[in-house]
C-alpha atoms as a PDB file:
ATOM      1  CA  MET A   1     109.027  78.174  94.236  1.00  0.00           C
ATOM      2  CA  TYR A   2     107.728  81.683  93.774  1.00  0.00           C
ATOM      3  CA  LYS A   3     109.507  83.864  90.910  1.00  0.00           C
ATOM      4  CA  ASN A   4     107.360  86.774  90.317  1.00  0.00           C
ATOM      5  CA  ILE A   5     106.108  88.532  93.382  1.00  0.00           C
ATOM      6  CA  LEU A   6     103.452  91.400  92.801  1.00  0.00           C
ATOM      7  CA  LEU A   7     104.085  93.712  95.721  1.00  0.00           C
ATOM      8  CA  PRO A   8     101.337  96.733  95.833  1.00  0.00           C
ATOM      9  CA  THR A   9     102.574  99.870  97.275  1.00  0.00           C
ATOM     10  CA  ASP A  10     101.427 103.392  97.944  1.00  0.00           C
ATOM     11  CA  GLY A  11     104.642 104.271  99.305  1.00  0.00           C
ATOM     12  CA  LEU A  12     103.276 105.796 102.393  1.00  0.00           C
ATOM     13  CA  GLY A  13     103.881 105.308 106.288  1.00  0.00           C
ATOM     14  CA  LYS A  14     103.566 101.665 107.490  1.00  0.00           C
ATOM     15  CA  CYS A  15     103.200 100.649 103.707  1.00  0.00           C
ATOM     16  CA  VAL A  16     107.013 101.035 103.191  1.00  0.00           C
ATOM     17  CA  PHE A  17     107.813  98.720 106.259  1.00  0.00           C
ATOM     18  CA  GLY A  18     105.664  96.222 104.325  1.00  0.00           C
ATOM     19  CA  THR A  19     107.551  96.793 100.982  1.00  0.00           C
ATOM     20  CA  CYS A  20     110.669  96.182 102.597  1.00  0.00           C
ATOM     21  CA  HIS A  21     109.335  92.564 103.605  1.00  0.00           C
ATOM     22  CA  GLY A  22     108.356  91.949 100.281  1.00  0.00           C
ATOM     23  CA  VAL A  23     111.498  92.820  98.986  1.00  0.00           C
ATOM     24  CA  LEU A  24     113.447  90.868 101.484  1.00  0.00           C
ATOM     25  CA  LEU A  25     111.086  87.586 100.905  1.00  0.00           C
ATOM     26  CA  ALA A  26     112.066  88.159  97.224  1.00  0.00           C
ATOM     27  CA  LYS A  27     115.591  88.135  97.681  1.00  0.00           C
ATOM     28  CA  ASN A  28     115.547  84.940  99.903  1.00  0.00           C
ATOM     29  CA  LEU A  29     113.371  83.233  97.253  1.00  0.00           C
ATOM     30  CA  ASP A  30     115.684  84.695  94.579  1.00  0.00           C
ATOM     31  CA  ALA A  31     112.417  86.074  92.916  1.00  0.00           C
ATOM     32  CA  LYS A  32     111.544  89.150  90.777  1.00  0.00           C
ATOM     33  CA  VAL A  33     109.449  91.860  92.219  1.00  0.00           C
ATOM     34  CA  THR A  34     106.496  93.587  90.424  1.00  0.00           C
ATOM     35  CA  ALA A  35     105.975  96.676  92.152  1.00  0.00           C
ATOM     36  CA  VAL A  36     102.370  98.099  91.613  1.00  0.00           C
ATOM     37  CA  CYS A  37     100.848 101.225  92.460  1.00  0.00           C
ATOM     38  CA  ILE A  38      97.098 101.821  91.600  1.00  0.00           C
ATOM     39  CA  THR A  39      95.502 105.361  91.323  1.00  0.00           C
ATOM     40  CA  ASP A  40      91.729 105.295  90.999  1.00  0.00           C
ATOM     41  CA  LYS A  41      89.454 107.436  89.213  1.00  0.00           C
ATOM     42  CA  LEU A  42      89.007 111.020  90.523  1.00  0.00           C
ATOM     43  CA  SER A  43      85.699 110.923  92.850  1.00  0.00           C
ATOM     44  CA  PRO A  44      82.745 112.798  92.052  1.00  0.00           C
ATOM     45  CA  GLN A  45      83.495 115.506  94.495  1.00  0.00           C
ATOM     46  CA  GLU A  46      87.229 116.103  93.086  1.00  0.00           C
ATOM     47  CA  ILE A  47      85.425 116.335  89.686  1.00  0.00           C
ATOM     48  CA  LEU A  48      82.901 118.557  91.035  1.00  0.00           C
ATOM     49  CA  LYS A  49      85.452 120.895  92.627  1.00  0.00           C
ATOM     50  CA  ILE A  50      87.192 121.334  89.405  1.00  0.00           C
ATOM     51  CA  TYR A  51      83.992 121.623  87.027  1.00  0.00           C
ATOM     52  CA  ASP A  52      82.217 123.839  89.706  1.00  0.00           C
ATOM     53  CA  PRO A  53      79.050 124.430  87.323  1.00  0.00           C
ATOM     54  CA  GLU A  54      78.430 127.837  88.827  1.00  0.00           C
ATOM     55  CA  MET A  55      82.063 128.857  87.942  1.00  0.00           C
ATOM     56  CA  ILE A  56      82.046 127.816  84.418  1.00  0.00           C
ATOM     57  CA  PHE A  57      80.540 130.754  82.295  1.00  0.00           C
ATOM     58  CA  SER A  58      83.104 130.761  79.429  1.00  0.00           C
ATOM     59  CA  LEU A  59      85.269 128.959  77.265  1.00  0.00           C
ATOM     60  CA  SER A  60      88.329 130.066  79.122  1.00  0.00           C
ATOM     61  CA  GLU A  61      87.096 129.230  82.368  1.00  0.00           C
ATOM     62  CA  GLY A  62      86.161 125.764  80.707  1.00  0.00           C
ATOM     63  CA  GLN A  63      89.695 125.666  79.642  1.00  0.00           C
ATOM     64  CA  LYS A  64      90.835 126.307  83.233  1.00  0.00           C
ATOM     65  CA  ALA A  65      89.037 123.658  84.443  1.00  0.00           C
ATOM     66  CA  LYS A  66      90.135 121.103  81.961  1.00  0.00           C
ATOM     67  CA  GLU A  67      93.902 122.131  82.724  1.00  0.00           C
ATOM     68  CA  ALA A  68      93.042 121.506  86.453  1.00  0.00           C
ATOM     69  CA  MET A  69      91.937 118.378  85.848  1.00  0.00           C
ATOM     70  CA  THR A  70      94.990 117.446  83.726  1.00  0.00           C
ATOM     71  CA  GLN A  71      97.088 118.768  86.751  1.00  0.00           C
ATOM     72  CA  ALA A  72      94.852 116.542  89.631  1.00  0.00           C
ATOM     73  CA  GLU A  73      95.619 113.607  87.073  1.00  0.00           C
ATOM     74  CA  GLY A  74      99.236 114.549  86.900  1.00  0.00           C
ATOM     75  CA  SER A  75      99.674 114.842  90.716  1.00  0.00           C
ATOM     76  CA  ARG A  76      98.164 111.108  90.976  1.00  0.00           C
ATOM     77  CA  LYS A  77     100.998 109.937  88.535  1.00  0.00           C
ATOM     78  CA  GLU A  78     103.611 111.823  90.362  1.00  0.00           C
ATOM     79  CA  LEU A  79     102.695 110.271  93.717  1.00  0.00           C
ATOM     80  CA  ALA A  80     102.695 106.831  92.119  1.00  0.00           C
ATOM     81  CA  ASP A  81     105.941 107.654  90.394  1.00  0.00           C
ATOM     82  CA  LYS A  82     107.247 108.420  94.058  1.00  0.00           C
ATOM     83  CA  ALA A  83     105.754 105.348  95.593  1.00  0.00           C
ATOM     84  CA  LEU A  84     107.303 102.872  92.902  1.00  0.00           C
ATOM     85  CA  ALA A  85     110.591 104.661  93.049  1.00  0.00           C
ATOM     86  CA  VAL A  86     110.847 103.574  96.896  1.00  0.00           C
ATOM     87  CA  ALA A  87     110.096  99.974  95.992  1.00  0.00           C
ATOM     88  CA  GLU A  88     112.500 100.408  93.377  1.00  0.00           C
ATOM     89  CA  LYS A  89     115.275 101.489  95.426  1.00  0.00           C
ATOM     90  CA  MET A  90     114.834  98.742  98.003  1.00  0.00           C
ATOM     91  CA  CYS A  91     115.224  96.040  95.140  1.00  0.00           C
ATOM     92  CA  ILE A  92     118.314  97.468  93.624  1.00  0.00           C
ATOM     93  CA  ASP A  93     119.655  97.885  97.135  1.00  0.00           C
ATOM     94  CA  ASN A  94     119.193  94.353  97.719  1.00  0.00           C
ATOM     95  CA  GLY A  95     119.904  93.202  94.298  1.00  0.00           C
ATOM     96  CA  VAL A  96     116.341  92.170  93.265  1.00  0.00           C
ATOM     97  CA  PRO A  97     115.079  92.739  89.997  1.00  0.00           C
ATOM     98  CA  CYS A  98     112.238  94.981  89.771  1.00  0.00           C
ATOM     99  CA  GLU A  99     109.169  95.962  87.482  1.00  0.00           C
ATOM    100  CA  LYS A 100     107.561  98.969  87.908  1.00  0.00           C
ATOM    101  CA  VAL A 101     103.588  99.074  86.994  1.00  0.00           C
ATOM    102  CA  HIS A 102     101.275 102.015  87.437  1.00  0.00           C
ATOM    103  CA  LEU A 103      97.689 101.506  86.716  1.00  0.00           C
ATOM    104  CA  SER A 104      95.481 104.438  87.023  1.00  0.00           C
ATOM    105  CA  GLY A 105      91.573 104.679  86.861  1.00  0.00           C
ATOM    106  CA  LYS A 106      91.313 101.398  88.592  1.00  0.00           C
ATOM    107  CA  THR A 107      89.964 100.424  91.988  1.00  0.00           C
ATOM    108  CA  PRO A 108      93.037  98.865  94.369  1.00  0.00           C
ATOM    109  CA  VAL A 109      91.167  95.329  94.184  1.00  0.00           C
ATOM    110  CA  ASP A 110      90.998  95.522  90.477  1.00  0.00           C
ATOM    111  CA  GLY A 111      94.107  96.893  89.450  1.00  0.00           C
ATOM    112  CA  ILE A 112      96.003  94.549  91.861  1.00  0.00           C
ATOM    113  CA  LEU A 113      94.490  91.466  90.345  1.00  0.00           C
ATOM    114  CA  GLN A 114      94.954  92.639  86.670  1.00  0.00           C
ATOM    115  CA  ALA A 115      98.637  93.633  87.229  1.00  0.00           C
ATOM    116  CA  ALA A 116      99.092  90.134  89.079  1.00  0.00           C
ATOM    117  CA  ASN A 117      97.675  88.658  85.867  1.00  0.00           C
ATOM    118  CA  ASP A 118      98.965  90.544  83.119  1.00  0.00           C
ATOM    119  CA  LYS A 119     102.424  90.515  84.762  1.00  0.00           C
ATOM    120  CA  GLY A 120     102.381  86.638  85.165  1.00  0.00           C
ATOM    121  CA  CYS A 121     102.719  86.904  89.283  1.00  0.00           C
ATOM    122  CA  ASP A 122     102.893  83.641  91.158  1.00  0.00           C
ATOM    123  CA  LEU A 123     102.445  85.108  94.453  1.00  0.00           C
ATOM    124  CA  ILE A 124     100.811  88.472  95.775  1.00  0.00           C
ATOM    125  CA  PHE A 125     102.669  89.994  98.863  1.00  0.00           C
ATOM    126  CA  ILE A 126     100.100  92.568 100.233  1.00  0.00           C
ATOM    127  CA  SER A 127     100.443  94.565 103.622  1.00  0.00           C
ATOM    128  CA  THR A 128      97.775  95.376 105.619  1.00  0.00           C
ATOM    129  CA  HIS A 129      97.362  97.868 108.540  1.00  0.00           C
ATOM    130  CA  GLY A 130      95.095  95.475 110.659  1.00  0.00           C
ATOM    131  CA  ASN A 131      92.664  98.315 111.382  1.00  0.00           C
ATOM    132  CA  PRO A 132      89.804  97.963 108.839  1.00  0.00           C
ATOM    133  CA  GLY A 133      87.795 101.075 110.523  1.00  0.00           C
ATOM    134  CA  VAL A 134      84.258 100.974 110.189  1.00  0.00           C
ATOM    135  CA  MET A 135      84.061 100.649 106.244  1.00  0.00           C
ATOM    136  CA  GLY A 136      86.615  97.797 106.250  1.00  0.00           C
ATOM    137  CA  THR A 137      84.695  96.117 108.742  1.00  0.00           C
ATOM    138  CA  LEU A 138      81.347  96.341 106.738  1.00  0.00           C
ATOM    139  CA  PHE A 139      82.634  95.828 103.032  1.00  0.00           C
ATOM    140  CA  GLY A 140      86.173  94.068 103.776  1.00  0.00           C
ATOM    141  CA  THR A 141      89.338  95.666 103.187  1.00  0.00           C
ATOM    142  CA  VAL A 142      91.707  95.504 100.137  1.00  0.00           C
ATOM    143  CA  ALA A 143      93.458  92.568 101.641  1.00  0.00           C
ATOM    144  CA  THR A 144      90.547  90.612 102.438  1.00  0.00           C
ATOM    145  CA  ARG A 145      88.910  91.295  98.844  1.00  0.00           C
ATOM    146  CA  ILE A 146      92.086  90.152  97.110  1.00  0.00           C
ATOM    147  CA  LEU A 147      92.008  86.944  99.270  1.00  0.00           C
ATOM    148  CA  ALA A 148      88.743  86.283  98.340  1.00  0.00           C
ATOM    149  CA  HIS A 149      89.094  86.768  94.219  1.00  0.00           C
ATOM    150  CA  SER A 150      92.575  86.040  93.665  1.00  0.00           C
ATOM    151  CA  LYS A 151      93.327  82.796  91.709  1.00  0.00           C
ATOM    152  CA  ILE A 152      97.113  82.813  92.825  1.00  0.00           C
ATOM    153  CA  PRO A 153      98.349  82.663  96.169  1.00  0.00           C
ATOM    154  CA  VAL A 154      98.369  85.564  98.453  1.00  0.00           C
ATOM    155  CA  LEU A 155     100.541  86.282 101.311  1.00  0.00           C
ATOM    156  CA  VAL A 156      98.995  88.865 103.994  1.00  0.00           C
ATOM    157  CA  HIS A 157     101.606  90.918 106.063  1.00  0.00           C
ATOM    158  CA  HIS A 158     100.716  92.795 108.896  1.00  0.00           C
ATOM    159  CA  CYS A 159     102.997  96.093 108.698  1.00  0.00           C
ATOM    160  CA  GLY A 160     102.770  97.026 112.554  1.00  0.00           C
ATOM    161  CA  GLY A 161     106.232  98.612 111.912  1.00  0.00           C
ATOM    162  CA  PRO A 162     107.251 102.313 112.179  1.00  0.00           C
ATOM    163  CA  SER A 163     104.927 105.083 110.937  1.00  0.00           C
END
């Protein structure tokens, strides 16, 4: 049936519970997991903290700001690597082939849809907390936007497991 399941993850909290379910589904279907972690662009507020125009008076301070920007981007990559390592370990423990993908500079929705397309996935297994908050209610959660825009089947898992 499904042979390549895209499994978005951020490796945090209840998301790990959803990752576990996605891996077990892949095991039962004898499918591969493509684990993806998306890190979006630094927000304007984050960039302004790094490149505070009132603080940059010299080339050396500009260089320090540039190094801080590189460090911030490195921190995001490090978090993505950790999240993907969690999914990879679950796959290894269950004998499921796993490919890790990190996309940066994308929104979660765009990144997930791009990874599914680029990697030839035939199912997206996405977890949701079921608590969209005000912004989710107004603009839709990542899961609802994936459902609306995906060209391949999407399985939405309510990750009500332990935090």
